[in-house]
């Protein structure tokens, strides 16, 4: 939740009852959240703080803040199926950030668009963990955006295709087709 002049927070709810389990202060304008399998942690993309907040699921405490780079505006994020990596769009750039959850550090930045002025918005990792898809807005709201497929073993763009103005999200079916 983000509100001018107020602290931004992350709340956890019991899915069965709707009860609030905890609320914790995090960075400015949180825009994405993921809880990687097997880590006992939750990650938020704090867009205007240019960081990811890492929280303990057990007690909702902040474990660490991970810098994503000046004016990178971390955006939508997703964890790999095995929980070892977190991927996120670096919205003020044409790149995807990669975090290693064993050390809670950004270990790579991959180009998601050949357009240096594109803005990578959202990511989606396939169920087998081999391919990452990213939506990229064009350099202006009136410019066409793209969808790109990235090979996670190399970090290279496999292909990039135009998909219209301001693409925001991407989902891949379980069978990958």
Protein backbone atom coordinates (compact mmCIF):
# COMPACT_ATOMS: atom_id res chain seq x y z
CA UNK A 1 0.00 0.00 0.00
CA UNK A 2 1.45 3.41 -0.98
CA UNK A 3 0.11 6.74 0.12
CA UNK A 4 1.73 10.18 -0.09
CA UNK A 5 3.10 11.24 3.28
CA UNK A 6 2.55 7.82 4.82
CA UNK A 7 4.75 4.77 5.27
CA UNK A 8 4.36 2.07 2.63
CA UNK A 9 3.58 -1.37 3.99
CA UNK A 10 3.18 -5.03 3.11
CA UNK A 11 0.36 -6.96 4.77
CA UNK A 12 0.03 -10.73 5.05
CA UNK A 13 -3.39 -12.39 5.27
CA UNK A 14 -4.58 -15.87 6.21
CA UNK A 15 -6.10 -17.16 2.96
CA UNK A 16 -8.68 -19.29 4.77
CA UNK A 17 -9.98 -16.68 7.23
CA UNK A 18 -8.92 -13.32 5.81
CA UNK A 19 -7.30 -12.46 9.15
CA UNK A 20 -4.33 -10.08 9.04
CA UNK A 21 -1.21 -12.00 10.08
CA UNK A 22 1.13 -9.04 10.03
CA UNK A 23 1.95 -5.67 8.55
CA UNK A 24 5.50 -4.41 7.98
CA UNK A 25 6.95 -1.12 6.73
CA UNK A 26 8.84 -1.45 3.43
CA UNK A 27 10.25 0.88 0.76
CA UNK A 28 8.40 3.47 -1.32
CA UNK A 29 5.72 2.45 -3.83
CA UNK A 30 5.78 -1.34 -3.53
CA UNK A 31 4.60 -2.74 -6.85
CA UNK A 32 5.47 -6.45 -6.83
CA UNK A 33 5.70 -9.31 -4.36
CA UNK A 34 6.84 -12.93 -4.49
CA UNK A 35 7.49 -15.70 -1.96
CA UNK A 36 10.08 -18.08 -3.47
CA UNK A 37 9.53 -21.77 -2.75
CA UNK A 38 11.65 -23.16 0.09
CA UNK A 39 13.22 -19.87 1.20
CA UNK A 40 10.99 -18.80 4.09
CA UNK A 41 11.21 -15.27 2.65
CA UNK A 42 9.05 -12.75 0.84
CA UNK A 43 10.45 -10.18 -1.62
CA UNK A 44 8.85 -6.86 -2.56
CA UNK A 45 9.79 -4.56 -5.44
CA UNK A 46 9.91 -1.07 -3.89
CA UNK A 47 9.79 0.96 -7.10
CA UNK A 48 10.57 4.47 -5.82
CA UNK A 49 13.20 3.26 -3.33
CA UNK A 50 15.07 1.42 -6.11
CA UNK A 51 15.31 -1.66 -3.94
CA UNK A 52 13.86 -5.02 -3.12
CA UNK A 53 12.86 -5.62 0.49
CA UNK A 54 13.49 -9.12 1.80
CA UNK A 55 11.25 -10.21 4.68
CA UNK A 56 11.14 -13.25 6.94
CA UNK A 57 7.86 -15.17 6.60
CA UNK A 58 8.21 -16.36 10.20
CA UNK A 59 8.10 -12.97 11.92
CA UNK A 60 7.55 -10.38 9.14
CA UNK A 61 10.89 -8.71 9.91
CA UNK A 62 13.07 -7.09 7.26
CA UNK A 63 16.02 -9.37 6.51
CA UNK A 64 17.71 -7.13 3.96
CA UNK A 65 17.25 -4.40 1.36
CA UNK A 66 18.76 -5.16 -2.06
CA UNK A 67 19.71 -2.16 -4.20
CA UNK A 68 18.49 -2.47 -7.79
CA UNK A 69 20.46 0.50 -9.12
CA UNK A 70 19.79 4.23 -9.29
CA UNK A 71 16.50 5.10 -11.04
CA UNK A 72 15.91 1.44 -12.01
CA UNK A 73 12.32 1.37 -10.64
CA UNK A 74 12.00 -2.37 -9.89
CA UNK A 75 8.59 -3.57 -10.96
CA UNK A 76 6.70 -6.85 -11.31
CA UNK A 77 8.59 -9.90 -10.16
CA UNK A 78 8.48 -13.68 -10.15
CA UNK A 79 10.52 -16.42 -8.49
CA UNK A 80 11.96 -19.40 -10.33
CA UNK A 81 10.03 -22.65 -9.72
CA UNK A 82 12.83 -23.98 -7.45
CA UNK A 83 12.95 -20.71 -5.45
CA UNK A 84 16.64 -20.10 -6.10
CA UNK A 85 16.22 -16.93 -8.19
CA UNK A 86 13.93 -13.92 -8.31
CA UNK A 87 13.45 -12.06 -11.59
CA UNK A 88 12.03 -8.54 -11.85
CA UNK A 89 11.50 -5.87 -14.47
CA UNK A 90 13.74 -2.82 -14.04
CA UNK A 91 11.03 -0.47 -15.29
CA UNK A 92 13.15 2.59 -16.02
CA UNK A 93 15.51 0.45 -18.11
CA UNK A 94 15.31 -2.22 -20.82
CA UNK A 95 16.57 -4.89 -18.44
CA UNK A 96 15.58 -7.67 -16.04
CA UNK A 97 17.24 -7.95 -12.64
CA UNK A 98 18.18 -11.38 -11.25
CA UNK A 99 18.51 -12.04 -7.50
CA UNK A 100 20.09 -15.13 -5.95
CA UNK A 101 17.91 -15.99 -2.94
CA UNK A 102 20.70 -17.90 -1.15
CA UNK A 103 22.70 -14.66 -0.68
CA UNK A 104 19.94 -12.08 -1.32
CA UNK A 105 21.98 -10.13 -3.86
CA UNK A 106 21.35 -9.00 -7.42
CA UNK A 107 23.69 -11.25 -9.38
CA UNK A 108 22.82 -10.31 -12.97
CA UNK A 109 21.13 -7.77 -15.19
CA UNK A 110 19.87 -9.09 -18.53
CA UNK A 111 18.88 -7.03 -21.54
CA UNK A 112 15.17 -7.62 -22.23
CA UNK A 113 14.81 -5.40 -25.30
CA UNK A 114 17.08 -4.33 -28.13
CA UNK A 115 15.51 -0.87 -27.80
CA UNK A 116 17.79 0.88 -25.29
CA UNK A 117 14.95 3.29 -24.40
CA UNK A 118 12.36 0.58 -23.69
CA UNK A 119 10.99 0.05 -20.18
CA UNK A 120 10.82 -3.55 -18.98
CA UNK A 121 7.62 -3.96 -17.03
CA UNK A 122 6.78 -7.55 -16.10
CA UNK A 123 8.40 -10.99 -16.20
CA UNK A 124 7.13 -14.57 -16.29
CA UNK A 125 9.28 -17.69 -15.81
CA UNK A 126 8.11 -20.96 -17.38
CA UNK A 127 7.21 -23.95 -15.18
CA UNK A 128 10.38 -25.75 -16.24
CA UNK A 129 12.47 -22.68 -15.31
CA UNK A 130 14.19 -22.53 -18.71
CA UNK A 131 12.64 -19.47 -20.33
CA UNK A 132 11.76 -16.03 -19.07
CA UNK A 133 9.29 -13.75 -20.84
CA UNK A 134 9.31 -9.97 -20.38
CA UNK A 135 7.01 -7.17 -21.48
CA UNK A 136 8.71 -3.98 -22.60
CA UNK A 137 6.96 -0.67 -23.05
CA UNK A 138 8.20 1.57 -25.85
CA UNK A 139 10.14 4.74 -25.13
CA UNK A 140 6.90 6.79 -24.92
CA UNK A 141 3.31 5.80 -24.06
CA UNK A 142 2.47 6.15 -27.78
CA UNK A 143 5.31 3.85 -28.90
CA UNK A 144 4.73 0.18 -29.55
CA UNK A 145 6.05 -2.24 -26.96
CA UNK A 146 7.43 -5.74 -27.22
CA UNK A 147 7.37 -9.18 -25.68
CA UNK A 148 10.74 -10.89 -25.39
CA UNK A 149 11.82 -14.41 -24.58
CA UNK A 150 15.06 -14.77 -22.62
CA UNK A 151 17.11 -17.95 -22.18
CA UNK A 152 17.80 -18.18 -18.43
CA UNK A 153 20.96 -20.24 -18.88
CA UNK A 154 22.65 -17.50 -20.90
CA UNK A 155 20.59 -14.36 -20.17
CA UNK A 156 20.35 -13.77 -23.94
CA UNK A 157 17.26 -12.63 -25.82
CA UNK A 158 15.94 -15.56 -27.87
CA UNK A 159 13.42 -13.38 -29.71
CA UNK A 160 11.59 -10.08 -29.37
CA UNK A 161 8.25 -9.31 -31.00
CA UNK A 162 6.09 -6.19 -31.24
CA UNK A 163 2.79 -6.44 -29.36
CA UNK A 164 1.22 -2.99 -29.23
CA UNK A 165 1.21 -0.05 -26.90
CA UNK A 166 2.05 -0.20 -23.19
CA UNK A 167 2.21 -3.98 -22.59
CA UNK A 168 1.94 -4.57 -18.88
CA UNK A 169 1.66 -8.23 -17.91
CA UNK A 170 2.56 -11.61 -19.37
CA UNK A 171 1.31 -15.09 -18.51
CA UNK A 172 2.42 -18.37 -20.05
CA UNK A 173 0.19 -21.43 -20.08
CA UNK A 174 1.42 -24.44 -18.05
CA UNK A 175 2.27 -26.39 -21.22
CA UNK A 176 4.32 -23.44 -22.55
CA UNK A 177 2.34 -23.15 -25.78
